[in-house]
Amino acid sequence: MKVFFRWSPQALSDIRNFDRQNALRILDALTRYARAPRLGGAGLHAHLTG
């Protein structure tokens, strides 16, 4: 199964504004997911208030 990502103009603008290290971490995580989407990963979690 192939995975494709469609980047909105806003998402492209946002990732270009990240510092290089964080932008590469995001792109690396997306690349790993695209290669093995069923492996998933740890879910996002946080205690959010407000």
N, C-alpha and C. Protein backbone atom coordinates (compact mmCIF):
# COMPACT_ATOMS: atom_id res chain seq x y z
N MET A 1 0.84 -1.17 0.00
CA MET A 1 0.00 0.00 0.00
C MET A 1 0.89 1.24 0.00
N LYS A 2 0.63 2.13 -0.91
CA LYS A 2 1.39 3.38 -0.96
C LYS A 2 0.68 4.45 -0.15
N VAL A 3 1.48 5.28 0.46
CA VAL A 3 0.95 6.39 1.25
C VAL A 3 1.39 7.68 0.59
N PHE A 4 0.45 8.58 0.40
CA PHE A 4 0.75 9.87 -0.17
C PHE A 4 0.35 10.95 0.82
N PHE A 5 1.12 11.99 0.85
CA PHE A 5 0.81 13.14 1.69
C PHE A 5 0.51 14.31 0.79
N ARG A 6 -0.59 14.97 1.04
CA ARG A 6 -0.95 16.16 0.29
C ARG A 6 -0.73 17.35 1.22
N TRP A 7 0.18 18.22 0.85
CA TRP A 7 0.54 19.36 1.69
C TRP A 7 -0.29 20.57 1.29
N SER A 8 -0.95 21.15 2.25
CA SER A 8 -1.67 22.39 1.99
C SER A 8 -0.64 23.52 1.89
N PRO A 9 -1.00 24.61 1.24
CA PRO A 9 -0.07 25.74 1.18
C PRO A 9 0.34 26.22 2.58
N GLN A 10 -0.61 26.21 3.52
CA GLN A 10 -0.29 26.63 4.89
C GLN A 10 0.71 25.68 5.54
N ALA A 11 0.54 24.37 5.34
CA ALA A 11 1.46 23.39 5.92
C ALA A 11 2.87 23.58 5.36
N LEU A 12 2.96 23.80 4.06
CA LEU A 12 4.27 24.03 3.45
C LEU A 12 4.93 25.28 4.02
N SER A 13 4.15 26.32 4.17
CA SER A 13 4.67 27.55 4.74
C SER A 13 5.14 27.32 6.18
N ASP A 14 4.33 26.59 6.94
CA ASP A 14 4.68 26.34 8.34
C ASP A 14 5.98 25.56 8.46
N ILE A 15 6.12 24.49 7.69
CA ILE A 15 7.33 23.65 7.84
C ILE A 15 8.57 24.41 7.37
N ARG A 16 8.40 25.30 6.44
CA ARG A 16 9.55 26.11 6.00
C ARG A 16 9.99 27.09 7.08
N ASN A 17 9.08 27.42 7.98
CA ASN A 17 9.40 28.36 9.05
C ASN A 17 10.01 27.69 10.28
N PHE A 18 9.95 26.35 10.34
CA PHE A 18 10.60 25.64 11.44
C PHE A 18 12.11 25.71 11.26
N ASP A 19 12.83 25.57 12.37
CA ASP A 19 14.27 25.46 12.20
C ASP A 19 14.56 24.13 11.49
N ARG A 20 15.70 24.06 10.85
CA ARG A 20 16.05 22.92 10.00
C ARG A 20 15.96 21.59 10.73
N GLN A 21 16.46 21.52 11.95
CA GLN A 21 16.48 20.27 12.70
C GLN A 21 15.06 19.74 12.94
N ASN A 22 14.16 20.59 13.36
CA ASN A 22 12.78 20.15 13.61
C ASN A 22 12.04 19.81 12.32
N ALA A 23 12.27 20.57 11.28
CA ALA A 23 11.63 20.25 10.00
C ALA A 23 12.08 18.88 9.50
N LEU A 24 13.36 18.58 9.64
CA LEU A 24 13.86 17.28 9.21
C LEU A 24 13.33 16.15 10.09
N ARG A 25 13.14 16.40 11.37
CA ARG A 25 12.55 15.38 12.25
C ARG A 25 11.12 15.06 11.81
N ILE A 26 10.36 16.07 11.45
CA ILE A 26 8.98 15.86 10.99
C ILE A 26 8.98 15.08 9.68
N LEU A 27 9.80 15.50 8.74
CA LEU A 27 9.86 14.82 7.45
C LEU A 27 10.35 13.39 7.59
N ASP A 28 11.30 13.16 8.50
CA ASP A 28 11.79 11.80 8.75
C ASP A 28 10.67 10.92 9.31
N ALA A 29 9.90 11.44 10.25
CA ALA A 29 8.80 10.67 10.83
C ALA A 29 7.75 10.34 9.77
N LEU A 30 7.43 11.28 8.91
CA LEU A 30 6.47 11.03 7.84
C LEU A 30 7.00 10.00 6.85
N THR A 31 8.29 10.06 6.56
CA THR A 31 8.90 9.09 5.65
C THR A 31 8.84 7.69 6.25
N ARG A 32 9.16 7.56 7.53
CA ARG A 32 9.10 6.25 8.19
C ARG A 32 7.68 5.72 8.19
N TYR A 33 6.70 6.59 8.45
CA TYR A 33 5.30 6.16 8.43
C TYR A 33 4.90 5.69 7.03
N ALA A 34 5.30 6.43 6.01
CA ALA A 34 4.93 6.07 4.64
C ALA A 34 5.51 4.72 4.24
N ARG A 35 6.66 4.37 4.77
CA ARG A 35 7.29 3.08 4.44
C ARG A 35 6.63 1.92 5.16
N ALA A 36 6.08 2.15 6.34
CA ALA A 36 5.46 1.09 7.13
C ALA A 36 4.25 1.65 7.89
N PRO A 37 3.17 1.98 7.18
CA PRO A 37 2.04 2.64 7.83
C PRO A 37 1.36 1.79 8.89
N ARG A 38 1.42 0.49 8.78
CA ARG A 38 0.73 -0.36 9.76
C ARG A 38 1.48 -0.45 11.07
N LEU A 39 2.75 -0.11 11.06
CA LEU A 39 3.49 -0.14 12.30
C LEU A 39 3.09 1.01 13.21
N GLY A 40 2.59 2.07 12.58
CA GLY A 40 2.11 3.21 13.35
C GLY A 40 3.20 3.80 14.22
N GLY A 41 2.93 3.89 15.47
CA GLY A 41 3.88 4.48 16.40
C GLY A 41 3.13 4.83 17.66
N ALA A 42 3.81 5.49 18.52
CA ALA A 42 3.17 5.91 19.76
C ALA A 42 2.14 6.99 19.45
N GLY A 43 1.01 6.89 20.07
CA GLY A 43 -0.02 7.90 19.88
C GLY A 43 0.38 9.22 20.54
N LEU A 44 -0.18 10.26 20.04
CA LEU A 44 0.08 11.56 20.64
C LEU A 44 -0.71 11.66 21.94
N HIS A 45 -0.10 12.22 22.93
CA HIS A 45 -0.80 12.38 24.19
C HIS A 45 -0.23 13.56 24.95
N ALA A 46 -1.10 14.20 25.67
CA ALA A 46 -0.70 15.33 26.49
C ALA A 46 -1.90 15.73 27.34
N HIS A 47 -1.61 16.34 28.43
CA HIS A 47 -2.67 16.87 29.28
C HIS A 47 -2.92 18.30 28.82
N LEU A 48 -4.03 18.51 28.18
CA LEU A 48 -4.34 19.83 27.64
C LEU A 48 -5.43 20.49 28.46
N THR A 49 -5.25 21.73 28.76
CA THR A 49 -6.28 22.49 29.47
C THR A 49 -6.47 23.82 28.76
N GLY A 50 -7.65 24.36 28.91
CA GLY A 50 -7.91 25.69 28.35
C GLY A 50 -8.28 25.72 26.92
